Amino acid sequence: MQTAQQQDMTWHDICALNDIPKNSGVAALVGDQQIALFSIGKEAQVFAIGNYDPFSNANVLARGIVGSIGDTIVVASPIYKQHFELATGQCVEDETVSVESYAIRIDNNRVFIGLTA
C-alpha cells in the first residue's frame, strides 16, 4: 500500500538493480538533478540521496566511501570526509546540513526513484 506522499510522486526508471555495484555508489541524472544511488548489503538495500556535497560544492557523493557509524549507514564525502546518512541525507558532523533523500522502489529488478511533483 502506498502512502499519500508516494501517490503524489512521479517514479523514474533509473537502472537495473545489478547496475549498482554492491556497497558502492553510482550517479544518475534525473531531469536536472544529480542523484547518488547506493546498493548496500547482500539483500541489495538501495538508497538515493543528492549527489551534491554542500561542503565542497561538487557533485561527488556517489564516489564516497560507504560505511557505518554505529547502526547508521553513511557515505563519507571524498573531498572533506563529512558523513551523510544514506536513509535521510543528514550530515553526521553538522546537524544544520543535509542533502536531499529520495524514495526508492524496486520492481522486477529495476530501480525507480520517486520525485515529488
PDB file of N, CA and C in Angstrom:
ATOM      1  N   MET A   1       0.839  -1.184   0.000  1.00  0.00           N
ATOM      2  CA  MET A   1       0.000   0.000   0.000  1.00  0.00           C
ATOM      3  C   MET A   1       0.882   1.244   0.000  1.00  0.00           C
ATOM      4  N   GLN A   2       0.579   2.186  -0.854  1.00  0.00           N
ATOM      5  CA  GLN A   2       1.364   3.407  -0.936  1.00  0.00           C
ATOM      6  C   GLN A   2       0.799   4.464   0.000  1.00  0.00           C
ATOM      7  N   THR A   3       1.705   5.281   0.560  1.00  0.00           N
ATOM      8  CA  THR A   3       1.264   6.406   1.375  1.00  0.00           C
ATOM      9  C   THR A   3       0.761   7.508   0.450  1.00  0.00           C
ATOM     10  N   ALA A   4       0.080   8.491   1.021  1.00  0.00           N
ATOM     11  CA  ALA A   4      -0.419   9.617   0.222  1.00  0.00           C
ATOM     12  C   ALA A   4       0.735  10.351  -0.452  1.00  0.00           C
ATOM     13  N   GLN A   5       1.856  10.476   0.260  1.00  0.00           N
ATOM     14  CA  GLN A   5       3.013  11.155  -0.308  1.00  0.00           C
ATOM     15  C   GLN A   5       3.562  10.375  -1.502  1.00  0.00           C
ATOM     16  N   GLN A   6       3.633   9.047  -1.413  1.00  0.00           N
ATOM     17  CA  GLN A   6       4.132   8.237  -2.518  1.00  0.00           C
ATOM     18  C   GLN A   6       3.202   8.297  -3.720  1.00  0.00           C
ATOM     19  N   GLN A   7       1.903   8.460  -3.503  1.00  0.00           N
ATOM     20  CA  GLN A   7       0.954   8.556  -4.607  1.00  0.00           C
ATOM     21  C   GLN A   7       1.166   9.845  -5.397  1.00  0.00           C
ATOM     22  N   ASP A   8       1.679  10.890  -4.759  1.00  0.00           N
ATOM     23  CA  ASP A   8       1.926  12.163  -5.427  1.00  0.00           C
ATOM     24  C   ASP A   8       3.275  12.197  -6.142  1.00  0.00           C
ATOM     25  N   MET A   9       4.008  11.099  -6.110  1.00  0.00           N
ATOM     26  CA  MET A   9       5.338  11.055  -6.714  1.00  0.00           C
ATOM     27  C   MET A   9       5.264  10.612  -8.165  1.00  0.00           C
ATOM     28  N   THR A  10       6.239  11.095  -8.910  1.00  0.00           N
ATOM     29  CA  THR A  10       6.482  10.581 -10.249  1.00  0.00           C
ATOM     30  C   THR A  10       7.653   9.635 -10.136  1.00  0.00           C
ATOM     31  N   TRP A  11       7.476   8.402 -10.595  1.00  0.00           N
ATOM     32  CA  TRP A  11       8.517   7.386 -10.473  1.00  0.00           C
ATOM     33  C   TRP A  11       9.317   7.320 -11.767  1.00  0.00           C
ATOM     34  N   HIS A  12      10.637   7.352 -11.633  1.00  0.00           N
ATOM     35  CA  HIS A  12      11.554   7.339 -12.769  1.00  0.00           C
ATOM     36  C   HIS A  12      12.359   6.045 -12.758  1.00  0.00           C
ATOM     37  N   ASP A  13      12.301   5.320 -13.870  1.00  0.00           N
ATOM     38  CA  ASP A  13      13.071   4.091 -14.040  1.00  0.00           C
ATOM     39  C   ASP A  13      14.526   4.496 -14.281  1.00  0.00           C
ATOM     40  N   ILE A  14      15.410   4.120 -13.364  1.00  0.00           N
ATOM     41  CA  ILE A  14      16.796   4.575 -13.419  1.00  0.00           C
ATOM     42  C   ILE A  14      17.728   3.538 -14.021  1.00  0.00           C
ATOM     43  N   CYS A  15      17.679   2.322 -13.504  1.00  0.00           N
ATOM     44  CA  CYS A  15      18.626   1.307 -13.964  1.00  0.00           C
ATOM     45  C   CYS A  15      18.210  -0.058 -13.435  1.00  0.00           C
ATOM     46  N   ALA A  16      18.918  -1.078 -13.899  1.00  0.00           N
ATOM     47  CA  ALA A  16      18.739  -2.410 -13.329  1.00  0.00           C
ATOM     48  C   ALA A  16      19.417  -2.451 -11.966  1.00  0.00           C
ATOM     49  N   LEU A  17      18.884  -3.237 -11.066  1.00  0.00           N
ATOM     50  CA  LEU A  17      19.467  -3.365  -9.728  1.00  0.00           C
ATOM     51  C   LEU A  17      20.931  -3.782  -9.811  1.00  0.00           C
ATOM     52  N   ASN A  18      21.261  -4.662 -10.738  1.00  0.00           N
ATOM     53  CA  ASN A  18      22.642  -5.141 -10.895  1.00  0.00           C
ATOM     54  C   ASN A  18      23.597  -4.085 -11.438  1.00  0.00           C
ATOM     55  N   ASP A  19      23.077  -2.961 -11.929  1.00  0.00           N
ATOM     56  CA  ASP A  19      23.938  -1.884 -12.427  1.00  0.00           C
ATOM     57  C   ASP A  19      24.604  -1.098 -11.303  1.00  0.00           C
ATOM     58  N   ILE A  20      24.122  -1.273 -10.076  1.00  0.00           N
ATOM     59  CA  ILE A  20      24.695  -0.561  -8.934  1.00  0.00           C
ATOM     60  C   ILE A  20      25.637  -1.523  -8.214  1.00  0.00           C
ATOM     61  N   PRO A  21      26.933  -1.247  -8.199  1.00  0.00           N
ATOM     62  CA  PRO A  21      27.874  -2.146  -7.515  1.00  0.00           C
ATOM     63  C   PRO A  21      27.531  -2.264  -6.025  1.00  0.00           C
ATOM     64  N   LYS A  22      27.683  -3.455  -5.477  1.00  0.00           N
ATOM     65  CA  LYS A  22      27.400  -3.680  -4.059  1.00  0.00           C
ATOM     66  C   LYS A  22      28.316  -2.827  -3.184  1.00  0.00           C
ATOM     67  N   ASN A  23      27.719  -2.246  -2.139  1.00  0.00           N
ATOM     68  CA  ASN A  23      28.437  -1.450  -1.141  1.00  0.00           C
ATOM     69  C   ASN A  23      29.245  -0.321  -1.774  1.00  0.00           C
ATOM     70  N   SER A  24      28.645   0.280  -2.790  1.00  0.00           N
ATOM     71  CA  SER A  24      29.289   1.372  -3.504  1.00  0.00           C
ATOM     72  C   SER A  24      28.201   2.264  -4.083  1.00  0.00           C
ATOM     73  N   GLY A  25      28.608   3.324  -4.757  1.00  0.00           N
ATOM     74  CA  GLY A  25      27.639   4.246  -5.308  1.00  0.00           C
ATOM     75  C   GLY A  25      27.831   4.504  -6.790  1.00  0.00           C
ATOM     76  N   VAL A  26      26.763   4.960  -7.423  1.00  0.00           N
ATOM     77  CA  VAL A  26      26.780   5.430  -8.802  1.00  0.00           C
ATOM     78  C   VAL A  26      25.928   6.693  -8.866  1.00  0.00           C
ATOM     79  N   ALA A  27      26.179   7.509  -9.860  1.00  0.00           N
ATOM     80  CA  ALA A  27      25.399   8.733 -10.039  1.00  0.00           C
ATOM     81  C   ALA A  27      24.410   8.556 -11.180  1.00  0.00           C
ATOM     82  N   ALA A  28      23.248   9.173 -11.028  1.00  0.00           N
ATOM     83  CA  ALA A  28      22.225   9.171 -12.068  1.00  0.00           C
ATOM     84  C   ALA A  28      21.732  10.600 -12.249  1.00  0.00           C
ATOM     85  N   LEU A  29      21.384  10.935 -13.471  1.00  0.00           N
ATOM     86  CA  LEU A  29      20.825  12.248 -13.764  1.00  0.00           C
ATOM     87  C   LEU A  29      19.344  12.073 -14.056  1.00  0.00           C
ATOM     88  N   VAL A  30      18.507  12.699 -13.231  1.00  0.00           N
ATOM     89  CA  VAL A  30      17.063  12.646 -13.407  1.00  0.00           C
ATOM     90  C   VAL A  30      16.602  14.082 -13.619  1.00  0.00           C
ATOM     91  N   GLY A  31      16.214  14.395 -14.835  1.00  0.00           N
ATOM     92  CA  GLY A  31      15.924  15.791 -15.169  1.00  0.00           C
ATOM     93  C   GLY A  31      17.207  16.579 -15.034  1.00  0.00           C
ATOM     94  N   ASP A  32      17.215  17.567 -14.165  1.00  0.00           N
ATOM     95  CA  ASP A  32      18.439  18.337 -13.918  1.00  0.00           C
ATOM     96  C   ASP A  32      19.046  18.038 -12.545  1.00  0.00           C
ATOM     97  N   GLN A  33      18.591  16.955 -11.902  1.00  0.00           N
ATOM     98  CA  GLN A  33      19.070  16.592 -10.568  1.00  0.00           C
ATOM     99  C   GLN A  33      20.056  15.430 -10.633  1.00  0.00           C
ATOM    100  N   GLN A  34      21.237  15.619 -10.036  1.00  0.00           N
ATOM    101  CA  GLN A  34      22.179  14.521  -9.904  1.00  0.00           C
ATOM    102  C   GLN A  34      21.870  13.786  -8.605  1.00  0.00           C
ATOM    103  N   ILE A  35      21.719  12.479  -8.728  1.00  0.00           N
ATOM    104  CA  ILE A  35      21.342  11.643  -7.593  1.00  0.00           C
ATOM    105  C   ILE A  35      22.378  10.548  -7.415  1.00  0.00           C
ATOM    106  N   ALA A  36      22.782  10.310  -6.165  1.00  0.00           N
ATOM    107  CA  ALA A  36      23.719   9.240  -5.836  1.00  0.00           C
ATOM    108  C   ALA A  36      22.925   8.033  -5.360  1.00  0.00           C
ATOM    109  N   LEU A  37      23.146   6.885  -6.002  1.00  0.00           N
ATOM    110  CA  LEU A  37      22.470   5.636  -5.651  1.00  0.00           C
ATOM    111  C   LEU A  37      23.461   4.684  -5.011  1.00  0.00           C
ATOM    112  N   PHE A  38      23.027   4.004  -3.955  1.00  0.00           N
ATOM    113  CA  PHE A  38      23.883   3.068  -3.235  1.00  0.00           C
ATOM    114  C   PHE A  38      23.143   1.764  -3.020  1.00  0.00           C
ATOM    115  N   SER A  39      23.803   0.644  -3.271  1.00  0.00           N
ATOM    116  CA  SER A  39      23.263  -0.683  -3.011  1.00  0.00           C
ATOM    117  C   SER A  39      24.074  -1.278  -1.863  1.00  0.00           C
ATOM    118  N   ILE A  40      23.415  -1.528  -0.742  1.00  0.00           N
ATOM    119  CA  ILE A  40      24.108  -1.929   0.477  1.00  0.00           C
ATOM    120  C   ILE A  40      23.683  -3.331   0.886  1.00  0.00           C
ATOM    121  N   GLY A  41      24.669  -4.158   1.210  1.00  0.00           N
ATOM    122  CA  GLY A  41      24.424  -5.486   1.753  1.00  0.00           C
ATOM    123  C   GLY A  41      24.058  -6.521   0.718  1.00  0.00           C
ATOM    124  N   LYS A  42      23.998  -7.755   1.170  1.00  0.00           N
ATOM    125  CA  LYS A  42      23.685  -8.885   0.293  1.00  0.00           C
ATOM    126  C   LYS A  42      22.253  -8.841  -0.217  1.00  0.00           C
ATOM    127  N   GLU A  43      21.353  -8.260   0.570  1.00  0.00           N
ATOM    128  CA  GLU A  43      19.940  -8.192   0.186  1.00  0.00           C
ATOM    129  C   GLU A  43      19.635  -6.982  -0.690  1.00  0.00           C
ATOM    130  N   ALA A  44      20.667  -6.246  -1.097  1.00  0.00           N
ATOM    131  CA  ALA A  44      20.521  -5.103  -2.005  1.00  0.00           C
ATOM    132  C   ALA A  44      19.526  -4.061  -1.494  1.00  0.00           C
ATOM    133  N   GLN A  45      19.809  -3.526  -0.331  1.00  0.00           N
ATOM    134  CA  GLN A  45      19.039  -2.399   0.169  1.00  0.00           C
ATOM    135  C   GLN A  45      19.544  -1.167  -0.575  1.00  0.00           C
ATOM    136  N   VAL A  46      18.662  -0.467  -1.288  1.00  0.00           N
ATOM    137  CA  VAL A  46      19.072   0.647  -2.135  1.00  0.00           C
ATOM    138  C   VAL A  46      18.660   1.967  -1.502  1.00  0.00           C
ATOM    139  N   PHE A  47      19.586   2.936  -1.535  1.00  0.00           N
ATOM    140  CA  PHE A  47      19.349   4.278  -1.026  1.00  0.00           C
ATOM    141  C   PHE A  47      19.632   5.280  -2.140  1.00  0.00           C
ATOM    142  N   ALA A  48      18.968   6.428  -2.070  1.00  0.00           N
ATOM    143  CA  ALA A  48      19.227   7.505  -3.028  1.00  0.00           C
ATOM    144  C   ALA A  48      19.261   8.830  -2.283  1.00  0.00           C
ATOM    145  N   ILE A  49      20.348   9.565  -2.464  1.00  0.00           N
ATOM    146  CA  ILE A  49      20.489  10.912  -1.895  1.00  0.00           C
ATOM    147  C   ILE A  49      21.016  11.832  -2.992  1.00  0.00           C
ATOM    148  N   GLY A  50      20.951  13.135  -2.737  1.00  0.00           N
ATOM    149  CA  GLY A  50      21.528  14.077  -3.680  1.00  0.00           C
ATOM    150  C   GLY A  50      23.024  13.838  -3.817  1.00  0.00           C
ATOM    151  N   ASN A  51      23.540  14.008  -5.002  1.00  0.00           N
ATOM    152  CA  ASN A  51      24.962  13.779  -5.262  1.00  0.00           C
ATOM    153  C   ASN A  51      25.814  14.993  -4.891  1.00  0.00           C
ATOM    154  N   TYR A  52      25.174  16.136  -4.673  1.00  0.00           N
ATOM    155  CA  TYR A  52      25.880  17.401  -4.413  1.00  0.00           C
ATOM    156  C   TYR A  52      26.364  17.472  -2.971  1.00  0.00           C
ATOM    157  N   ASP A  53      27.670  17.634  -2.797  1.00  0.00           N
ATOM    158  CA  ASP A  53      28.286  17.807  -1.478  1.00  0.00           C
ATOM    159  C   ASP A  53      28.304  19.297  -1.157  1.00  0.00           C
ATOM    160  N   PRO A  54      27.514  19.736  -0.168  1.00  0.00           N
ATOM    161  CA  PRO A  54      27.444  21.167   0.131  1.00  0.00           C
ATOM    162  C   PRO A  54      28.729  21.744   0.740  1.00  0.00           C
ATOM    163  N   PHE A  55      29.622  20.916   1.208  1.00  0.00           N
ATOM    164  CA  PHE A  55      30.868  21.413   1.790  1.00  0.00           C
ATOM    165  C   PHE A  55      31.916  21.704   0.721  1.00  0.00           C
ATOM    166  N   SER A  56      31.967  20.889  -0.317  1.00  0.00           N
ATOM    167  CA  SER A  56      32.955  21.096  -1.379  1.00  0.00           C
ATOM    168  C   SER A  56      32.356  21.742  -2.623  1.00  0.00           C
ATOM    169  N   ASN A  57      31.029  21.915  -2.634  1.00  0.00           N
ATOM    170  CA  ASN A  57      30.323  22.472  -3.789  1.00  0.00           C
ATOM    171  C   ASN A  57      30.588  21.679  -5.060  1.00  0.00           C
ATOM    172  N   ALA A  58      30.597  20.346  -4.927  1.00  0.00           N
ATOM    173  CA  ALA A  58      30.840  19.471  -6.067  1.00  0.00           C
ATOM    174  C   ALA A  58      29.895  18.273  -6.014  1.00  0.00           C
ATOM    175  N   ASN A  59      29.552  17.751  -7.167  1.00  0.00           N
ATOM    176  CA  ASN A  59      28.700  16.563  -7.266  1.00  0.00           C
ATOM    177  C   ASN A  59      29.570  15.314  -7.178  1.00  0.00           C
ATOM    178  N   VAL A  60      29.830  14.865  -5.934  1.00  0.00           N
ATOM    179  CA  VAL A  60      30.800  13.787  -5.717  1.00  0.00           C
ATOM    180  C   VAL A  60      30.355  12.701  -4.740  1.00  0.00           C
ATOM    181  N   LEU A  61      29.196  12.813  -4.121  1.00  0.00           N
ATOM    182  CA  LEU A  61      28.851  11.871  -3.051  1.00  0.00           C
ATOM    183  C   LEU A  61      28.756  10.433  -3.538  1.00  0.00           C
ATOM    184  N   ALA A  62      28.398  10.211  -4.799  1.00  0.00           N
ATOM    185  CA  ALA A  62      28.335   8.843  -5.324  1.00  0.00           C
ATOM    186  C   ALA A  62      29.706   8.177  -5.319  1.00  0.00           C
ATOM    187  N   ARG A  63      30.769   8.967  -5.268  1.00  0.00           N
ATOM    188  CA  ARG A  63      32.134   8.435  -5.266  1.00  0.00           C
ATOM    189  C   ARG A  63      32.700   8.258  -3.856  1.00  0.00           C
ATOM    190  N   GLY A  64      31.859   8.533  -2.848  1.00  0.00           N
ATOM    191  CA  GLY A  64      32.316   8.437  -1.465  1.00  0.00           C
ATOM    192  C   GLY A  64      32.439   7.004  -0.989  1.00  0.00           C
ATOM    193  N   ILE A  65      33.020   6.870   0.199  1.00  0.00           N
ATOM    194  CA  ILE A  65      33.209   5.564   0.817  1.00  0.00           C
ATOM    195  C   ILE A  65      32.011   5.266   1.716  1.00  0.00           C
ATOM    196  N   VAL A  66      31.401   4.109   1.501  1.00  0.00           N
ATOM    197  CA  VAL A  66      30.237   3.686   2.275  1.00  0.00           C
ATOM    198  C   VAL A  66      30.709   2.945   3.519  1.00  0.00           C
ATOM    199  N   GLY A  67      30.040   3.215   4.635  1.00  0.00           N
ATOM    200  CA  GLY A  67      30.363   2.538   5.882  1.00  0.00           C
ATOM    201  C   GLY A  67      29.237   2.749   6.871  1.00  0.00           C
ATOM    202  N   SER A  68      29.554   2.628   8.150  1.00  0.00           N
ATOM    203  CA  SER A  68      28.543   2.855   9.178  1.00  0.00           C
ATOM    204  C   SER A  68      29.169   3.555  10.370  1.00  0.00           C
ATOM    205  N   ILE A  69      28.334   4.311  11.028  1.00  0.00           N
ATOM    206  CA  ILE A  69      28.676   4.920  12.308  1.00  0.00           C
ATOM    207  C   ILE A  69      27.630   4.386  13.273  1.00  0.00           C
ATOM    208  N   GLY A  70      28.041   3.479  14.129  1.00  0.00           N
ATOM    209  CA  GLY A  70      27.075   2.755  14.954  1.00  0.00           C
ATOM    210  C   GLY A  70      26.198   1.922  14.041  1.00  0.00           C
ATOM    211  N   ASP A  71      24.889   2.069  14.168  1.00  0.00           N
ATOM    212  CA  ASP A  71      23.944   1.339  13.328  1.00  0.00           C
ATOM    213  C   ASP A  71      23.505   2.134  12.100  1.00  0.00           C
ATOM    214  N   THR A  72      24.070   3.315  11.904  1.00  0.00           N
ATOM    215  CA  THR A  72      23.662   4.200  10.813  1.00  0.00           C
ATOM    216  C   THR A  72      24.569   4.005   9.604  1.00  0.00           C
ATOM    217  N   ILE A  73      23.961   3.714   8.450  1.00  0.00           N
ATOM    218  CA  ILE A  73      24.724   3.550   7.206  1.00  0.00           C
ATOM    219  C   ILE A  73      24.975   4.932   6.626  1.00  0.00           C
ATOM    220  N   VAL A  74      26.237   5.203   6.305  1.00  0.00           N
ATOM    221  CA  VAL A  74      26.635   6.536   5.841  1.00  0.00           C
ATOM    222  C   VAL A  74      27.529   6.430   4.613  1.00  0.00           C
ATOM    223  N   VAL A  75      27.684   7.574   3.947  1.00  0.00           N
ATOM    224  CA  VAL A  75      28.699   7.726   2.913  1.00  0.00           C
ATOM    225  C   VAL A  75      29.577   8.897   3.340  1.00  0.00           C
ATOM    226  N   ALA A  76      30.889   8.730   3.213  1.00  0.00           N
ATOM    227  CA  ALA A  76      31.839   9.802   3.520  1.00  0.00           C
ATOM    228  C   ALA A  76      32.165  10.522   2.228  1.00  0.00           C
ATOM    229  N   SER A  77      31.993  11.828   2.226  1.00  0.00           N
ATOM    230  CA  SER A  77      32.324  12.611   1.043  1.00  0.00           C
ATOM    231  C   SER A  77      33.797  12.403   0.692  1.00  0.00           C
ATOM    232  N   PRO A  78      34.117  12.216  -0.592  1.00  0.00           N
ATOM    233  CA  PRO A  78      35.520  12.000  -0.960  1.00  0.00           C
ATOM    234  C   PRO A  78      36.381  13.259  -0.872  1.00  0.00           C
ATOM    235  N   ILE A  79      35.777  14.418  -0.670  1.00  0.00           N
ATOM    236  CA  ILE A  79      36.558  15.656  -0.620  1.00  0.00           C
ATOM    237  C   ILE A  79      36.982  15.974   0.814  1.00  0.00           C
ATOM    238  N   TYR A  80      36.031  16.371   1.663  1.00  0.00           N
ATOM    239  CA  TYR A  80      36.367  16.778   3.032  1.00  0.00           C
ATOM    240  C   TYR A  80      35.949  15.769   4.089  1.00  0.00           C
ATOM    241  N   LYS A  81      35.394  14.636   3.675  1.00  0.00           N
ATOM    242  CA  LYS A  81      35.110  13.479   4.530  1.00  0.00           C
ATOM    243  C   LYS A  81      33.923  13.621   5.480  1.00  0.00           C
ATOM    244  N   GLN A  82      33.042  14.599   5.300  1.00  0.00           N
ATOM    245  CA  GLN A  82      31.829  14.628   6.117  1.00  0.00           C
ATOM    246  C   GLN A  82      30.991  13.398   5.766  1.00  0.00           C
ATOM    247  N   HIS A  83      30.267  12.896   6.759  1.00  0.00           N
ATOM    248  CA  HIS A  83      29.442  11.707   6.594  1.00  0.00           C
ATOM    249  C   HIS A  83      27.981  12.109   6.446  1.00  0.00           C
ATOM    250  N   PHE A  84      27.307  11.474   5.489  1.00  0.00           N
ATOM    251  CA  PHE A  84      25.883  11.715   5.262  1.00  0.00           C
ATOM    252  C   PHE A  84      25.138  10.400   5.423  1.00  0.00           C
ATOM    253  N   GLU A  85      24.043  10.435   6.209  1.00  0.00           N
ATOM    254  CA  GLU A  85      23.223   9.244   6.415  1.00  0.00           C
ATOM    255  C   GLU A  85      22.532   8.896   5.105  1.00  0.00           C
ATOM    256  N   LEU A  86      22.634   7.640   4.681  1.00  0.00           N
ATOM    257  CA  LEU A  86      22.017   7.251   3.418  1.00  0.00           C
ATOM    258  C   LEU A  86      20.496   7.228   3.497  1.00  0.00           C
ATOM    259  N   ALA A  87      19.936   6.963   4.652  1.00  0.00           N
ATOM    260  CA  ALA A  87      18.483   6.895   4.790  1.00  0.00           C
ATOM    261  C   ALA A  87      17.823   8.272   4.774  1.00  0.00           C
ATOM    262  N   THR A  88      18.527   9.293   5.281  1.00  0.00           N
ATOM    263  CA  THR A  88      17.891  10.605   5.441  1.00  0.00           C
ATOM    264  C   THR A  88      18.615  11.748   4.743  1.00  0.00           C
ATOM    265  N   GLY A  89      19.900  11.589   4.421  1.00  0.00           N
ATOM    266  CA  GLY A  89      20.696  12.670   3.843  1.00  0.00           C
ATOM    267  C   GLY A  89      21.295  13.601   4.887  1.00  0.00           C
ATOM    268  N   GLN A  90      21.039  13.356   6.154  1.00  0.00           N
ATOM    269  CA  GLN A  90      21.533  14.210   7.236  1.00  0.00           C
ATOM    270  C   GLN A  90      23.049  14.085   7.392  1.00  0.00           C
ATOM    271  N   CYS A  91      23.733  15.235   7.543  1.00  0.00           N
ATOM    272  CA  CYS A  91      25.167  15.230   7.813  1.00  0.00           C
ATOM    273  C   CYS A  91      25.388  14.871   9.276  1.00  0.00           C
ATOM    274  N   VAL A  92      26.276  13.934   9.531  1.00  0.00           N
ATOM    275  CA  VAL A  92      26.547  13.479  10.893  1.00  0.00           C
ATOM    276  C   VAL A  92      27.305  14.539  11.678  1.00  0.00           C
ATOM    277  N   GLU A  93      28.255  15.191  11.048  1.00  0.00           N
ATOM    278  CA  GLU A  93      29.114  16.147  11.747  1.00  0.00           C
ATOM    279  C   GLU A  93      28.468  17.523  11.954  1.00  0.00           C
ATOM    280  N   ASP A  94      27.474  17.871  11.148  1.00  0.00           N
ATOM    281  CA  ASP A  94      26.845  19.195  11.233  1.00  0.00           C
ATOM    282  C   ASP A  94      25.343  19.030  11.062  1.00  0.00           C
ATOM    283  N   GLU A  95      24.600  19.086  12.168  1.00  0.00           N
ATOM    284  CA  GLU A  95      23.155  18.845  12.126  1.00  0.00           C
ATOM    285  C   GLU A  95      22.378  19.899  11.347  1.00  0.00           C
ATOM    286  N   THR A  96      23.002  21.010  10.996  1.00  0.00           N
ATOM    287  CA  THR A  96      22.317  22.040  10.209  1.00  0.00           C
ATOM    288  C   THR A  96      22.411  21.784   8.704  1.00  0.00           C
ATOM    289  N   VAL A  97      23.135  20.744   8.304  1.00  0.00           N
ATOM    290  CA  VAL A  97      23.360  20.461   6.880  1.00  0.00           C
ATOM    291  C   VAL A  97      22.803  19.087   6.525  1.00  0.00           C
ATOM    292  N   SER A  98      22.123  19.023   5.404  1.00  0.00           N
ATOM    293  CA  SER A  98      21.659  17.733   4.880  1.00  0.00           C
ATOM    294  C   SER A  98      21.563  17.841   3.363  1.00  0.00           C
ATOM    295  N   VAL A  99      21.502  16.686   2.726  1.00  0.00           N
ATOM    296  CA  VAL A  99      21.252  16.623   1.297  1.00  0.00           C
ATOM    297  C   VAL A  99      19.902  15.942   1.110  1.00  0.00           C
ATOM    298  N   GLU A 100      19.327  16.123  -0.043  1.00  0.00           N
ATOM    299  CA  GLU A 100      18.022  15.538  -0.338  1.00  0.00           C
ATOM    300  C   GLU A 100      18.111  14.012  -0.289  1.00  0.00           C
ATOM    301  N   SER A 101      17.074  13.370   0.219  1.00  0.00           N
ATOM    302  CA  SER A 101      16.974  11.913   0.136  1.00  0.00           C
ATOM    303  C   SER A 101      15.729  11.600  -0.692  1.00  0.00           C
ATOM    304  N   TYR A 102      15.763  10.475  -1.393  1.00  0.00           N
ATOM    305  CA  TYR A 102      14.702  10.140  -2.336  1.00  0.00           C
ATOM    306  C   TYR A 102      14.123   8.769  -2.037  1.00  0.00           C
ATOM    307  N   ALA A 103      12.837   8.626  -2.334  1.00  0.00           N
ATOM    308  CA  ALA A 103      12.169   7.340  -2.196  1.00  0.00           C
ATOM    309  C   ALA A 103      12.645   6.416  -3.309  1.00  0.00           C
ATOM    310  N   ILE A 104      12.804   5.146  -2.957  1.00  0.00           N
ATOM    311  CA  ILE A 104      13.253   4.123  -3.903  1.00  0.00           C
ATOM    312  C   ILE A 104      12.206   3.016  -3.960  1.00  0.00           C
ATOM    313  N   ARG A 105      11.993   2.518  -5.144  1.00  0.00           N
ATOM    314  CA  ARG A 105      11.120   1.357  -5.334  1.00  0.00           C
ATOM    315  C   ARG A 105      11.850   0.396  -6.280  1.00  0.00           C
ATOM    316  N   ILE A 106      11.851  -0.875  -5.932  1.00  0.00           N
ATOM    317  CA  ILE A 106      12.448  -1.884  -6.809  1.00  0.00           C
ATOM    318  C   ILE A 106      11.317  -2.751  -7.331  1.00  0.00           C
ATOM    319  N   ASP A 107      11.221  -2.811  -8.650  1.00  0.00           N
ATOM    320  CA  ASP A 107      10.152  -3.566  -9.294  1.00  0.00           C
ATOM    321  C   ASP A 107      10.746  -4.340 -10.457  1.00  0.00           C
ATOM    322  N   ASN A 108      10.627  -5.658 -10.392  1.00  0.00           N
ATOM    323  CA  ASN A 108      11.132  -6.502 -11.477  1.00  0.00           C
ATOM    324  C   ASN A 108      12.633  -6.288 -11.709  1.00  0.00           C
ATOM    325  N   ASN A 109      13.378  -6.136 -10.614  1.00  0.00           N
ATOM    326  CA  ASN A 109      14.833  -5.892 -10.635  1.00  0.00           C
ATOM    327  C   ASN A 109      15.219  -4.578 -11.304  1.00  0.00           C
ATOM    328  N   ARG A 110      14.285  -3.641 -11.367  1.00  0.00           N
ATOM    329  CA  ARG A 110      14.561  -2.294 -11.858  1.00  0.00           C
ATOM    330  C   ARG A 110      14.467  -1.339 -10.667  1.00  0.00           C
ATOM    331  N   VAL A 111      15.333  -0.325 -10.644  1.00  0.00           N
ATOM    332  CA  VAL A 111      15.354   0.658  -9.566  1.00  0.00           C
ATOM    333  C   VAL A 111      14.619   1.904 -10.044  1.00  0.00           C
ATOM    334  N   PHE A 112      13.635   2.330  -9.261  1.00  0.00           N
ATOM    335  CA  PHE A 112      12.850   3.528  -9.555  1.00  0.00           C
ATOM    336  C   PHE A 112      13.077   4.536  -8.438  1.00  0.00           C
ATOM    337  N   ILE A 113      13.192   5.810  -8.806  1.00  0.00           N
ATOM    338  CA  ILE A 113      13.317   6.900  -7.849  1.00  0.00           C
ATOM    339  C   ILE A 113      12.034   7.716  -7.918  1.00  0.00           C
ATOM    340  N   GLY A 114      11.488   8.015  -6.745  1.00  0.00           N
ATOM    341  CA  GLY A 114      10.263   8.812  -6.671  1.00  0.00           C
ATOM    342  C   GLY A 114      10.598  10.278  -6.424  1.00  0.00           C
ATOM    343  N   LEU A 115      10.114  11.131  -7.302  1.00  0.00           N
ATOM    344  CA  LEU A 115      10.279  12.570  -7.148  1.00  0.00           C
ATOM    345  C   LEU A 115       8.909  13.200  -6.991  1.00  0.00           C
ATOM    346  N   THR A 116       8.786  14.132  -6.066  1.00  0.00           N
ATOM    347  CA  THR A 116       7.508  14.813  -5.871  1.00  0.00           C
ATOM    348  C   THR A 116       7.293  15.806  -7.002  1.00  0.00           C
ATOM    349  N   ALA A 117       6.023  15.964  -7.338  1.00  0.00           N
ATOM    350  CA  ALA A 117       5.676  16.858  -8.462  1.00  0.00           C
ATOM    351  C   ALA A 117       5.931  18.304  -8.117  1.00  0.00           C
TER     352      ALA A 117
END
